[in-house]
N, C-alpha and C. Protein backbone atom coordinates (compact mmCIF):
# COMPACT_ATOMS: atom_id res chain seq x y z
N MET A 1 -0.24 -34.02 10.97
CA MET A 1 -0.40 -32.71 12.28
C MET A 1 -1.55 -33.56 12.78
N SER A 2 -0.81 -33.86 14.01
CA SER A 2 -1.54 -34.16 15.31
C SER A 2 -2.35 -33.38 15.99
N TRP A 3 -3.87 -33.02 15.90
CA TRP A 3 -4.12 -32.33 16.65
C TRP A 3 -4.07 -32.42 18.20
N PRO A 4 -3.89 -30.93 19.17
CA PRO A 4 -4.10 -31.21 20.64
C PRO A 4 -5.52 -31.80 20.76
N VAL A 5 -5.49 -32.57 22.36
CA VAL A 5 -6.70 -33.51 22.72
C VAL A 5 -8.30 -32.20 22.28
N GLU A 6 -7.98 -31.07 23.20
CA GLU A 6 -8.64 -30.01 23.37
C GLU A 6 -8.94 -29.51 21.92
N ILE A 7 -8.82 -29.83 20.77
CA ILE A 7 -9.37 -29.13 19.72
C ILE A 7 -10.25 -30.27 19.54
N THR A 8 -9.70 -31.58 19.20
CA THR A 8 -10.01 -33.10 18.80
C THR A 8 -11.16 -32.97 19.74
N ARG A 9 -11.46 -32.60 20.91
CA ARG A 9 -12.62 -32.83 21.87
C ARG A 9 -13.62 -31.79 21.52
N THR A 10 -13.65 -30.42 21.36
CA THR A 10 -14.03 -29.24 20.94
C THR A 10 -14.89 -30.16 19.50
N PHE A 11 -14.51 -30.18 18.76
CA PHE A 11 -14.76 -30.47 17.58
C PHE A 11 -16.16 -32.20 17.01
N SER A 12 -15.60 -32.89 18.19
CA SER A 12 -16.51 -33.90 18.82
C SER A 12 -18.02 -33.52 18.69
N THR A 13 -17.79 -32.68 19.67
CA THR A 13 -19.10 -31.79 20.26
C THR A 13 -20.02 -31.41 19.05
N VAL A 14 -19.66 -31.22 18.20
CA VAL A 14 -20.00 -30.39 16.89
C VAL A 14 -20.78 -31.03 16.34
N GLU A 15 -20.16 -32.48 16.11
CA GLU A 15 -20.85 -33.57 15.15
C GLU A 15 -21.61 -34.71 15.97
N SER A 16 -21.89 -34.27 17.11
CA SER A 16 -22.34 -35.33 18.37
C SER A 16 -23.99 -34.65 18.33
N GLY A 17 -24.79 -35.58 18.41
CA GLY A 17 -25.91 -35.25 19.00
C GLY A 17 -27.35 -34.39 17.72
N ALA A 18 -28.67 -34.31 18.10
CA ALA A 18 -29.19 -34.12 16.77
C ALA A 18 -29.44 -32.16 17.66
N ASP A 19 -28.55 -31.30 17.31
CA ASP A 19 -28.93 -29.79 18.26
C ASP A 19 -29.66 -29.14 17.27
N SER A 20 -30.37 -28.45 18.21
CA SER A 20 -31.19 -27.04 17.13
C SER A 20 -29.55 -26.27 16.56
N PRO A 21 -30.27 -25.51 15.53
CA PRO A 21 -29.93 -24.48 14.71
C PRO A 21 -28.41 -23.86 15.51
N LEU A 22 -29.26 -23.20 16.78
CA LEU A 22 -28.96 -21.98 17.55
C LEU A 22 -27.31 -22.70 18.14
N VAL A 23 -27.56 -23.90 19.18
CA VAL A 23 -26.99 -24.90 20.27
C VAL A 23 -25.40 -25.42 18.69
N ASN A 24 -26.11 -25.62 17.66
CA ASN A 24 -24.95 -26.20 16.30
C ASN A 24 -24.02 -24.68 16.34
N LYS A 25 -25.06 -23.57 16.05
CA LYS A 25 -24.16 -22.33 15.70
C LYS A 25 -23.09 -21.89 16.46
N ILE A 26 -23.49 -22.26 17.96
CA ILE A 26 -22.48 -21.86 19.41
C ILE A 26 -21.15 -22.95 19.17
N LYS A 27 -21.36 -24.02 18.90
CA LYS A 27 -20.66 -25.13 18.76
C LYS A 27 -19.62 -25.20 17.61
N CYS A 28 -19.85 -24.54 16.73
CA CYS A 28 -19.48 -24.37 15.44
C CYS A 28 -18.82 -23.07 15.63
N HIS A 29 -19.45 -22.07 16.06
CA HIS A 29 -18.29 -21.04 16.35
C HIS A 29 -17.21 -21.12 17.33
N SER A 30 -17.58 -22.16 18.36
CA SER A 30 -16.60 -21.90 19.38
C SER A 30 -15.32 -22.84 19.03
N SER A 31 -15.65 -24.52 18.29
CA SER A 31 -14.59 -24.96 17.92
C SER A 31 -13.96 -24.32 16.69
N TYR A 32 -13.93 -23.81 15.56
CA TYR A 32 -13.27 -22.62 14.55
C TYR A 32 -12.46 -21.56 15.35
N LYS A 33 -13.27 -20.83 16.47
CA LYS A 33 -12.17 -19.67 16.71
C LYS A 33 -11.14 -20.87 17.41
N LYS A 34 -11.44 -21.35 18.28
CA LYS A 34 -10.29 -22.20 19.18
C LYS A 34 -9.41 -22.98 17.90
N LEU A 35 -9.82 -23.63 17.10
CA LEU A 35 -9.08 -23.67 15.68
C LEU A 35 -8.08 -22.95 15.17
N LEU A 36 -8.66 -21.35 14.88
CA LEU A 36 -8.43 -20.44 14.37
C LEU A 36 -6.79 -20.15 15.31
N ASN A 37 -7.45 -19.72 16.26
CA ASN A 37 -6.44 -19.19 17.35
C ASN A 37 -5.13 -20.11 17.83
N THR A 38 -5.58 -21.62 17.47
CA THR A 38 -4.49 -22.34 17.95
C THR A 38 -3.47 -22.39 16.41
N LEU A 39 -3.99 -22.27 15.16
CA LEU A 39 -3.08 -21.90 14.27
C LEU A 39 -2.37 -20.51 14.05
N PHE A 40 -3.32 -19.59 14.75
CA PHE A 40 -3.02 -18.08 14.13
C PHE A 40 -2.82 -17.61 15.81
N PRO A 41 -1.83 -18.09 16.64
CA PRO A 41 -1.81 -17.36 18.29
C PRO A 41 -1.80 -15.88 17.78
N PRO A 42 -2.82 -14.83 18.87
CA PRO A 42 -2.52 -14.01 19.10
C PRO A 42 -1.35 -13.33 19.35
N GLU A 43 0.01 -14.01 19.87
CA GLU A 43 0.78 -13.05 20.33
C GLU A 43 2.02 -13.37 18.21
N SER A 44 1.35 -13.61 17.71
CA SER A 44 1.84 -13.73 16.01
C SER A 44 1.69 -12.58 15.48
N ASP A 45 2.08 -12.50 14.60
CA ASP A 45 1.93 -11.52 12.98
C ASP A 45 0.25 -11.46 12.79
N PHE A 46 -0.29 -12.24 12.71
CA PHE A 46 -1.69 -12.80 12.08
C PHE A 46 -2.81 -12.74 13.24
N MET A 47 -3.94 -11.72 12.63
CA MET A 47 -5.42 -11.38 13.16
C MET A 47 -5.81 -12.27 12.91
N VAL A 48 -7.17 -12.87 13.71
CA VAL A 48 -8.47 -13.85 13.56
C VAL A 48 -9.68 -12.69 14.16
N THR A 49 -10.42 -12.51 12.93
CA THR A 49 -11.03 -11.90 13.09
C THR A 49 -12.69 -12.08 12.46
N PRO A 50 -13.77 -11.88 12.97
CA PRO A 50 -15.41 -12.35 12.81
C PRO A 50 -15.35 -11.65 11.36
N ASP A 51 -15.83 -11.99 10.26
CA ASP A 51 -15.98 -11.47 8.89
C ASP A 51 -17.99 -11.58 8.42
N PRO A 52 -18.51 -10.61 8.98
CA PRO A 52 -19.61 -11.01 8.51
C PRO A 52 -20.35 -10.79 7.39
N LEU A 53 -20.92 -11.36 6.85
CA LEU A 53 -21.49 -11.20 5.33
C LEU A 53 -23.01 -10.99 5.57
N PRO A 54 -23.27 -10.44 3.92
CA PRO A 54 -24.91 -10.32 4.17
C PRO A 54 -25.66 -11.36 4.10
N VAL A 55 -26.57 -11.41 5.13
CA VAL A 55 -27.55 -12.60 5.12
C VAL A 55 -28.04 -12.80 3.59
N ASN A 56 -27.94 -14.48 3.36
CA ASN A 56 -28.50 -14.50 1.62
C ASN A 56 -27.68 -14.26 1.13
N ILE A 57 -26.47 -14.08 1.16
CA ILE A 57 -25.68 -13.64 -0.11
C ILE A 57 -25.84 -14.07 -1.17
N ASP A 58 -26.36 -13.77 -2.54
CA ASP A 58 -26.71 -14.27 -3.56
C ASP A 58 -27.77 -15.16 -3.75
N GLY A 59 -28.97 -14.53 -2.74
CA GLY A 59 -29.81 -15.35 -2.60
C GLY A 59 -29.65 -16.86 -2.35
N GLY A 60 -28.46 -16.94 -1.29
CA GLY A 60 -28.39 -18.59 -1.13
C GLY A 60 -28.67 -18.58 0.40
N MET A 61 -28.11 -19.93 1.11
CA MET A 61 -28.33 -19.95 2.47
C MET A 61 -27.65 -19.03 3.25
N ASP A 62 -27.71 -19.11 4.41
CA ASP A 62 -27.18 -18.18 5.53
C ASP A 62 -26.01 -19.08 5.26
N THR A 63 -24.99 -17.97 5.85
CA THR A 63 -23.67 -18.06 6.30
C THR A 63 -23.62 -17.81 7.91
N ILE A 64 -23.27 -19.28 8.47
CA ILE A 64 -23.94 -19.13 9.76
C ILE A 64 -22.43 -18.65 10.84
N LEU A 65 -21.37 -18.71 9.97
CA LEU A 65 -19.66 -18.52 10.78
C LEU A 65 -18.61 -17.81 9.33
N SER A 66 -18.40 -16.95 9.66
CA SER A 66 -17.27 -16.43 8.68
C SER A 66 -15.68 -15.84 9.31
N PHE A 67 -14.47 -16.35 8.72
CA PHE A 67 -14.16 -15.67 9.94
C PHE A 67 -12.90 -15.00 8.84
N LYS A 68 -11.69 -14.08 9.22
CA LYS A 68 -10.79 -13.79 8.19
C LYS A 68 -9.61 -13.93 9.44
N VAL A 69 -8.66 -14.29 8.35
CA VAL A 69 -7.11 -14.44 8.89
C VAL A 69 -6.47 -13.16 8.49
N MET A 70 -5.96 -12.09 8.97
CA MET A 70 -5.24 -11.38 8.29
C MET A 70 -3.93 -11.15 8.82
N PHE A 71 -2.86 -10.92 8.33
CA PHE A 71 -1.58 -10.87 8.28
C PHE A 71 -1.24 -9.33 9.05
N GLN A 72 -0.15 -9.10 9.64
CA GLN A 72 0.26 -7.29 9.70
C GLN A 72 -0.59 -6.48 9.35
N ASP A 73 -0.21 -5.61 8.52
CA ASP A 73 -1.62 -4.39 7.81
C ASP A 73 -2.72 -4.92 7.54
N HIS A 74 -3.52 -5.81 8.09
CA HIS A 74 -4.79 -6.06 8.03
C HIS A 74 -4.68 -6.57 6.25
N HIS A 75 -3.95 -7.38 5.73
CA HIS A 75 -4.25 -7.85 4.67
C HIS A 75 -4.73 -9.37 5.08
N PRO A 76 -5.69 -9.44 4.22
CA PRO A 76 -6.31 -10.94 4.11
C PRO A 76 -5.15 -11.83 3.38
N VAL A 77 -5.16 -12.87 4.17
CA VAL A 77 -4.81 -14.26 3.95
C VAL A 77 -5.52 -15.63 3.74
N LEU A 78 -6.60 -15.47 4.63
CA LEU A 78 -7.34 -17.09 4.61
C LEU A 78 -8.68 -16.15 5.30
N ILE A 79 -9.40 -16.71 4.20
CA ILE A 79 -10.91 -16.94 4.73
C ILE A 79 -11.61 -18.19 5.04
N LEU A 80 -12.29 -17.95 5.99
CA LEU A 80 -12.93 -19.42 6.49
C LEU A 80 -14.86 -18.90 6.78
N GLN A 81 -15.23 -19.83 5.83
CA GLN A 81 -16.79 -19.98 6.07
C GLN A 81 -17.58 -21.23 6.11
N VAL A 82 -18.23 -21.29 7.14
CA VAL A 82 -18.68 -22.56 8.26
C VAL A 82 -20.86 -22.18 7.47
N GLN A 83 -20.98 -23.78 7.13
CA GLN A 83 -22.34 -23.57 6.93
C GLN A 83 -22.94 -24.67 7.82
N PRO A 84 -24.03 -25.15 8.37
CA PRO A 84 -24.73 -25.96 9.31
C PRO A 84 -24.40 -27.60 8.35
N ARG A 85 -23.86 -28.53 9.13
CA ARG A 85 -24.01 -30.12 8.86
C ARG A 85 -24.76 -30.81 8.07
N GLN A 86 -26.08 -29.90 8.28
CA GLN A 86 -27.10 -30.71 7.87
C GLN A 86 -27.54 -30.06 6.16
N HIS A 87 -26.55 -29.64 5.53
CA HIS A 87 -26.13 -28.82 4.41
C HIS A 87 -25.22 -29.87 3.61
N LEU A 88 -24.51 -30.72 3.81
CA LEU A 88 -23.82 -31.68 3.42
C LEU A 88 -24.65 -32.55 2.67
N SER A 89 -25.87 -32.79 3.29
CA SER A 89 -26.87 -33.82 2.56
C SER A 89 -27.08 -33.28 1.02
N PHE A 90 -27.27 -32.12 0.81
CA PHE A 90 -28.00 -31.66 -0.46
C PHE A 90 -26.88 -31.25 -1.43
N THR A 91 -26.79 -31.68 -2.52
CA THR A 91 -26.00 -31.04 -3.89
C THR A 91 -26.18 -29.54 -3.85
N SER A 92 -27.86 -29.29 -3.25
CA SER A 92 -28.21 -27.32 -3.96
C SER A 92 -27.35 -26.64 -2.95
N THR A 93 -27.40 -27.63 -1.60
CA THR A 93 -26.37 -26.43 -0.37
C THR A 93 -25.22 -26.54 -0.51
N ARG A 94 -24.65 -27.57 -0.92
CA ARG A 94 -22.99 -27.69 -0.83
C ARG A 94 -22.83 -26.96 -2.28
N GLU A 95 -23.71 -26.73 -3.18
CA GLU A 95 -23.15 -25.82 -4.56
C GLU A 95 -23.33 -24.40 -4.12
N VAL A 96 -24.24 -23.73 -3.39
CA VAL A 96 -24.42 -22.73 -2.98
C VAL A 96 -23.41 -22.45 -2.07
N ALA A 97 -22.48 -23.02 -0.90
CA ALA A 97 -21.29 -23.00 -0.41
C ALA A 97 -20.25 -22.61 -1.44
N ASP A 98 -20.50 -23.67 -2.29
CA ASP A 98 -19.22 -23.17 -2.96
C ASP A 98 -19.03 -22.29 -3.87
N LYS A 99 -20.62 -21.81 -3.94
CA LYS A 99 -20.18 -20.31 -4.83
C LYS A 99 -19.94 -19.46 -3.58
N GLN A 100 -20.58 -19.30 -2.77
CA GLN A 100 -20.47 -18.46 -1.52
C GLN A 100 -18.97 -17.89 -1.59
N ILE A 101 -18.29 -19.05 -1.22
CA ILE A 101 -16.86 -18.86 -0.76
C ILE A 101 -15.78 -17.89 -1.96
N ARG A 102 -16.28 -18.58 -3.04
CA ARG A 102 -15.47 -17.92 -4.48
C ARG A 102 -15.92 -16.53 -4.47
N LEU A 103 -17.32 -16.22 -4.50
CA LEU A 103 -17.48 -14.72 -4.40
C LEU A 103 -16.90 -13.71 -3.62
N ARG A 104 -16.73 -14.56 -2.46
CA ARG A 104 -16.07 -14.00 -1.02
C ARG A 104 -14.60 -13.90 -1.68
N MET A 105 -13.70 -14.67 -1.92
CA MET A 105 -12.36 -14.93 -2.08
C MET A 105 -12.71 -13.57 -3.59
N ILE A 106 -13.22 -13.48 -4.30
CA ILE A 106 -13.10 -12.60 -5.74
C ILE A 106 -13.22 -11.24 -4.64
N ASP A 107 -14.43 -10.63 -3.71
CA ASP A 107 -14.39 -9.39 -3.36
C ASP A 107 -13.38 -9.09 -1.94
N LEU A 108 -12.48 -9.95 -1.41
CA LEU A 108 -11.35 -9.68 -1.14
C LEU A 108 -10.32 -9.44 -1.50
N ALA A 109 -10.15 -10.53 -3.02
CA ALA A 109 -8.83 -10.03 -3.61
C ALA A 109 -8.60 -8.92 -3.93
N GLU A 110 -9.35 -8.02 -4.47
CA GLU A 110 -9.55 -6.45 -4.92
C GLU A 110 -8.66 -5.89 -3.58
N ARG A 111 -8.93 -5.91 -2.30
CA ARG A 111 -7.98 -5.45 -1.49
C ARG A 111 -6.60 -6.04 -1.17
N MET A 112 -6.24 -6.99 -1.50
CA MET A 112 -5.30 -8.00 -1.29
C MET A 112 -4.05 -7.35 -2.08
N PRO A 113 -2.89 -7.01 -1.12
CA PRO A 113 -1.97 -7.43 -2.08
C PRO A 113 -0.57 -8.65 -2.02
N LEU A 114 -1.34 -9.13 -1.66
CA LEU A 114 -0.37 -10.46 -1.65
C LEU A 114 -0.82 -11.00 -3.04
N LEU A 115 -0.20 -12.44 -3.32
CA LEU A 115 -0.27 -12.64 -4.95
C LEU A 115 -1.80 -14.16 -4.35
N ALA A 116 -1.54 -14.45 -3.32
CA ALA A 116 -3.03 -15.33 -2.95
C ALA A 116 -3.34 -15.40 -1.89
N LEU A 117 -5.06 -15.99 -1.70
CA LEU A 117 -5.82 -15.49 -1.02
C LEU A 117 -6.16 -17.32 -0.53
N HIS A 118 -5.80 -17.88 0.42
CA HIS A 118 -6.33 -19.09 0.75
C HIS A 118 -8.36 -19.24 1.42
N GLY A 119 -8.69 -20.52 1.10
CA GLY A 119 -10.27 -19.80 1.82
C GLY A 119 -10.60 -21.93 2.10
N ILE A 120 -10.97 -21.94 3.22
CA ILE A 120 -11.60 -22.80 3.29
C ILE A 120 -13.30 -23.33 3.88
N SER A 121 -14.12 -23.50 2.92
CA SER A 121 -15.53 -23.81 2.89
C SER A 121 -15.45 -25.41 3.94
N ALA A 122 -16.38 -24.89 5.08
CA ALA A 122 -16.33 -25.77 6.15
C ALA A 122 -18.05 -26.27 6.09
N ILE A 123 -18.52 -27.54 5.88
CA ILE A 123 -19.92 -27.94 6.13
C ILE A 123 -19.84 -28.71 7.48
N GLY A 124 -20.09 -28.41 8.91
CA GLY A 124 -20.09 -29.02 9.93
C GLY A 124 -18.52 -28.71 10.31
N THR A 125 -18.06 -30.31 10.38
CA THR A 125 -16.29 -30.52 10.17
C THR A 125 -15.99 -30.87 9.04
N LYS A 126 -16.75 -31.04 7.75
CA LYS A 126 -16.29 -31.28 6.26
C LYS A 126 -15.69 -29.94 5.80
N LEU A 127 -14.53 -30.17 5.47
CA LEU A 127 -13.75 -29.19 4.50
C LEU A 127 -13.11 -29.16 3.39
N CYS A 128 -13.28 -27.98 2.70
CA CYS A 128 -13.23 -27.93 1.69
C CYS A 128 -11.90 -26.72 0.76
N PHE A 129 -10.89 -27.12 0.42
CA PHE A 129 -9.93 -25.83 0.53
C PHE A 129 -10.03 -25.57 -0.96
N TYR A 130 -9.65 -24.02 -0.95
CA TYR A 130 -9.20 -23.14 -2.03
C TYR A 130 -8.09 -22.30 -1.81
N LYS A 131 -8.05 -21.63 -3.52
CA LYS A 131 -6.59 -20.69 -3.45
C LYS A 131 -6.94 -19.97 -4.56
N PHE A 132 -7.03 -18.37 -4.08
CA PHE A 132 -7.14 -17.60 -5.50
C PHE A 132 -5.84 -17.01 -5.48
N GLU A 133 -5.45 -16.82 -6.91
CA GLU A 133 -4.63 -16.57 -7.35
C GLU A 133 -4.84 -15.31 -8.16
N LYS A 134 -3.95 -14.34 -8.11
CA LYS A 134 -4.31 -13.08 -8.81
C LYS A 134 -4.02 -12.98 -10.19
N ALA A 135 -2.72 -13.69 -10.43
CA ALA A 135 -2.40 -13.36 -11.67
C ALA A 135 -1.73 -14.85 -12.51
N PRO A 136 -2.58 -15.20 -13.55
CA PRO A 136 -3.74 -14.75 -13.84
C PRO A 136 -5.07 -15.16 -12.88
N PRO A 137 -5.87 -14.43 -12.56
CA PRO A 137 -6.99 -14.45 -11.49
C PRO A 137 -7.88 -15.89 -11.76
N ARG A 138 -7.70 -16.43 -10.72
CA ARG A 138 -8.10 -17.86 -10.73
C ARG A 138 -8.41 -18.23 -9.74
N ILE A 139 -9.18 -19.25 -9.31
CA ILE A 139 -9.75 -19.80 -7.79
C ILE A 139 -9.61 -21.50 -8.16
N THR A 140 -8.57 -21.78 -7.42
CA THR A 140 -8.42 -23.41 -7.55
C THR A 140 -9.00 -24.30 -6.28
N LEU A 141 -9.34 -25.34 -5.84
CA LEU A 141 -9.41 -26.39 -5.21
C LEU A 141 -8.24 -27.19 -4.94
N ASN A 142 -7.94 -27.32 -3.37
CA ASN A 142 -6.74 -27.67 -3.28
C ASN A 142 -6.70 -29.65 -3.74
N ALA A 143 -6.18 -29.66 -4.74
CA ALA A 143 -5.94 -30.90 -5.04
C ALA A 143 -4.20 -31.23 -5.74
N THR A 144 -4.11 -32.60 -5.46
CA THR A 144 -2.86 -33.04 -6.27
C THR A 144 -1.87 -33.39 -7.24
N SER A 145 -3.33 -33.09 -8.06
CA SER A 145 -3.26 -33.35 -9.72
C SER A 145 -4.64 -33.32 -10.37
N PRO A 146 -3.81 -32.57 -11.57
CA PRO A 146 -5.32 -32.17 -12.31
C PRO A 146 -6.54 -33.23 -12.81
N ASP A 147 -6.26 -34.40 -12.31
CA ASP A 147 -7.14 -35.47 -12.26
C ASP A 147 -8.22 -35.48 -11.49
N GLN A 148 -7.23 -35.25 -9.93
CA GLN A 148 -7.81 -35.30 -8.93
C GLN A 148 -8.96 -33.82 -8.53
N GLU A 149 -8.57 -32.42 -9.23
CA GLU A 149 -9.37 -31.44 -9.68
C GLU A 149 -10.57 -31.56 -10.38
N GLU A 150 -10.42 -32.28 -11.62
CA GLU A 150 -11.58 -32.50 -12.17
C GLU A 150 -12.59 -33.47 -11.75
N GLN A 151 -12.02 -33.99 -11.07
CA GLN A 151 -12.67 -35.28 -9.83
C GLN A 151 -13.74 -34.45 -8.91
N LEU A 152 -13.08 -33.24 -7.83
CA LEU A 152 -13.37 -32.78 -7.15
C LEU A 152 -14.92 -31.63 -7.51
N ARG A 153 -14.26 -31.06 -9.22
CA ARG A 153 -15.44 -30.58 -9.61
C ARG A 153 -16.62 -31.08 -10.10
N ASN A 154 -16.29 -32.22 -10.57
CA ASN A 154 -17.36 -32.92 -10.92
C ASN A 154 -18.38 -33.68 -10.23
N ARG A 155 -17.49 -33.77 -8.75
CA ARG A 155 -18.33 -34.39 -7.93
C ARG A 155 -18.66 -33.83 -6.43
N MET A 156 -19.67 -32.73 -6.15
CA MET A 156 -18.93 -31.91 -5.02
C MET A 156 -19.44 -32.53 -3.99
N VAL A 157 -19.78 -33.61 -4.07
CA VAL A 157 -19.72 -34.51 -2.71
C VAL A 157 -18.40 -34.52 -2.00
N HIS A 158 -17.63 -34.89 -3.01
CA HIS A 158 -16.12 -34.71 -2.71
C HIS A 158 -15.04 -33.63 -2.53
N LEU A 159 -16.13 -32.54 -2.37
CA LEU A 159 -15.56 -31.25 -1.80
C LEU A 159 -14.66 -31.05 -0.31
N TRP A 160 -15.76 -31.89 -0.31
CA TRP A 160 -15.59 -31.54 1.67
C TRP A 160 -14.97 -33.23 2.04
N CYS A 161 -14.15 -32.73 2.88
CA CYS A 161 -13.64 -34.38 3.60
C CYS A 161 -13.32 -34.19 4.72
N SER A 162 -13.00 -35.29 5.75
CA SER A 162 -12.50 -34.69 6.85
C SER A 162 -11.60 -34.28 7.46
N MET A 163 -12.21 -33.78 8.69
CA MET A 163 -11.07 -32.47 9.19
C MET A 163 -9.84 -33.30 8.86
N GLN A 164 -9.37 -34.51 9.51
CA GLN A 164 -8.91 -34.58 10.15
C GLN A 164 -7.69 -35.23 8.96
N ARG A 165 -8.30 -35.54 7.73
CA ARG A 165 -7.32 -36.14 6.05
C ARG A 165 -7.41 -34.64 5.83
N SER A 166 -7.99 -33.53 5.60
CA SER A 166 -7.93 -32.32 5.09
C SER A 166 -6.45 -31.68 5.49
N ILE A 167 -6.43 -31.51 6.79
CA ILE A 167 -5.53 -30.79 7.34
C ILE A 167 -3.81 -31.55 7.11
N SER A 168 -3.58 -32.98 6.62
CA SER A 168 -2.64 -33.35 6.60
C SER A 168 -2.11 -33.11 4.89
N VAL A 169 -3.19 -32.48 3.78
CA VAL A 169 -2.66 -31.99 2.68
C VAL A 169 -1.87 -30.70 2.15
N PRO A 170 -0.72 -30.49 2.22
CA PRO A 170 0.17 -29.52 1.96
C PRO A 170 -0.78 -28.28 1.01
């Protein structure tokens, strides 16, 4: 999938420069909101909403941004959580991001009538895809083979891949 220039330009500003945490937060919020509204336009049956989370959920780092995409009767189908790009450098912050999205998916699964809920954990512009299945209850990473999923689990740094590469994975 090729992205419109407006989307790629917006995300290029997130990666550029040594911004303050507040500027980084604003850039991330704007970029991901634009992307989600491109993928789920307002005139569709989907609704993109902010999804505020408690600060330092489970003693972890702050989630600077969280969105929920809901279908028709407010059934969640996708969640997106975004962390600052600086968190990619540390195993501990990547592990906390992984744990946060898994816990959030479990929380939302209690209210979802659908069989699956999809999640995206973003650190800056690096993405990791998740899928929660109700029966039997399990969360899987978006991998194309069991070997690849095992590699993803064992090496947290590879959970987040570039946005351009990630979007092409079915």
